[in-house]
Amino acid sequence: MIKMYNVESSNVKQIGYDNNTLYVLFKNGGLYSYIDVPENIFEDLLDAESVGKTLNKDVKKIYECERVWDDDPIYKSIVSD
């Protein structure tokens, strides 16, 4: 099971990290995985003053991204509501 952390953000609800993969759950319910992300990037996001800005600057368009659909067991294990 992937441990997710609540973050203060207008757009991001939670982030998690497992096996070099960053998981981002957006407030609209979309869950995305970013592949081969170093752990320090995840830690930077946890400590970021602006999660959205840090995500845009250090993750998006840098790391491969995949949508995790709601029929995926990973989605079901992360999104429980």
Protein backbone atom coordinates (compact mmCIF):
# COMPACT_ATOMS: atom_id res chain seq x y z
CA MET A 1 0.00 0.00 0.00
CA ILE A 2 1.27 3.46 -0.90
CA LYS A 3 1.30 5.97 1.95
CA MET A 4 -0.23 9.23 0.79
CA TYR A 5 0.37 12.59 2.46
CA ASN A 6 -2.10 15.46 2.54
CA VAL A 7 -0.62 18.69 1.20
CA GLU A 8 -1.69 22.32 1.31
CA SER A 9 -2.50 23.19 -2.28
CA SER A 10 -5.35 24.66 -4.29
CA ASN A 11 -5.05 21.85 -6.85
CA VAL A 12 -3.26 18.88 -5.24
CA LYS A 13 -4.92 16.82 -2.51
CA GLN A 14 -2.24 14.23 -1.70
CA ILE A 15 1.17 12.97 -2.81
CA GLY A 16 2.85 9.63 -2.24
CA TYR A 17 6.03 7.85 -3.21
CA ASP A 18 6.81 4.18 -3.79
CA ASN A 19 9.49 2.38 -5.76
CA ASN A 20 10.80 5.50 -7.58
CA THR A 21 7.27 6.51 -8.54
CA LEU A 22 5.64 9.74 -7.40
CA TYR A 23 1.86 9.61 -7.07
CA VAL A 24 -0.15 12.82 -7.22
CA LEU A 25 -3.85 12.88 -6.38
CA PHE A 26 -5.48 16.06 -7.60
CA LYS A 27 -8.52 17.57 -5.93
CA ASN A 28 -10.57 16.82 -9.05
CA GLY A 29 -10.01 13.10 -8.37
CA GLY A 30 -7.37 12.51 -11.05
CA LEU A 31 -4.48 10.31 -9.95
CA TYR A 32 -1.19 10.41 -11.85
CA SER A 33 2.05 8.51 -11.48
CA TYR A 34 5.41 10.01 -12.44
CA ILE A 35 8.04 7.40 -13.23
CA ASP A 36 11.72 7.34 -12.10
CA VAL A 37 11.42 10.37 -9.83
CA PRO A 38 14.26 10.67 -7.29
CA GLU A 39 13.14 10.54 -3.67
CA ASN A 40 14.57 14.01 -2.97
CA ILE A 41 12.03 15.49 -5.43
CA PHE A 42 9.22 13.89 -3.40
CA GLU A 43 10.73 15.28 -0.19
CA ASP A 44 10.98 18.73 -1.80
CA LEU A 45 7.28 18.55 -2.66
CA LEU A 46 6.40 17.66 0.94
CA ASP A 47 8.30 20.73 2.16
CA ALA A 48 7.34 23.08 -0.66
CA GLU A 49 5.73 26.41 0.05
CA SER A 50 3.79 25.90 -3.19
CA VAL A 51 3.23 22.26 -4.16
CA GLY A 52 1.76 23.25 -7.52
CA LYS A 53 4.68 25.48 -8.51
CA THR A 54 7.22 22.87 -7.42
CA LEU A 55 5.32 20.13 -9.28
CA ASN A 56 5.25 22.25 -12.44
CA LYS A 57 8.94 23.24 -12.19
CA ASP A 58 10.54 19.97 -11.04
CA VAL A 59 8.25 17.15 -12.20
CA LYS A 60 5.86 17.89 -15.06
CA LYS A 61 7.38 17.63 -18.55
CA ILE A 62 10.53 16.14 -16.98
CA TYR A 63 9.35 12.71 -15.86
CA GLU A 64 7.14 10.28 -17.73
CA CYS A 65 3.56 10.57 -16.52
CA GLU A 66 0.70 8.08 -16.63
CA ARG A 67 -2.91 8.53 -15.54
CA VAL A 68 -4.00 5.92 -13.00
CA TRP A 69 -7.59 5.06 -13.86
CA ASP A 70 -10.23 4.29 -11.25
CA ASP A 71 -10.40 0.61 -12.21
CA ASP A 72 -6.69 0.15 -11.38
CA PRO A 73 -5.97 -1.57 -8.04
CA ILE A 74 -3.45 1.19 -7.21
CA TYR A 75 -6.19 3.80 -7.61
CA LYS A 76 -8.52 1.81 -5.38
CA SER A 77 -5.81 1.47 -2.70
CA ILE A 78 -5.10 5.23 -2.70
CA VAL A 79 -8.51 6.78 -3.26
CA SER A 80 -10.83 5.41 -0.62
CA ASP A 81 -13.71 7.90 -0.76
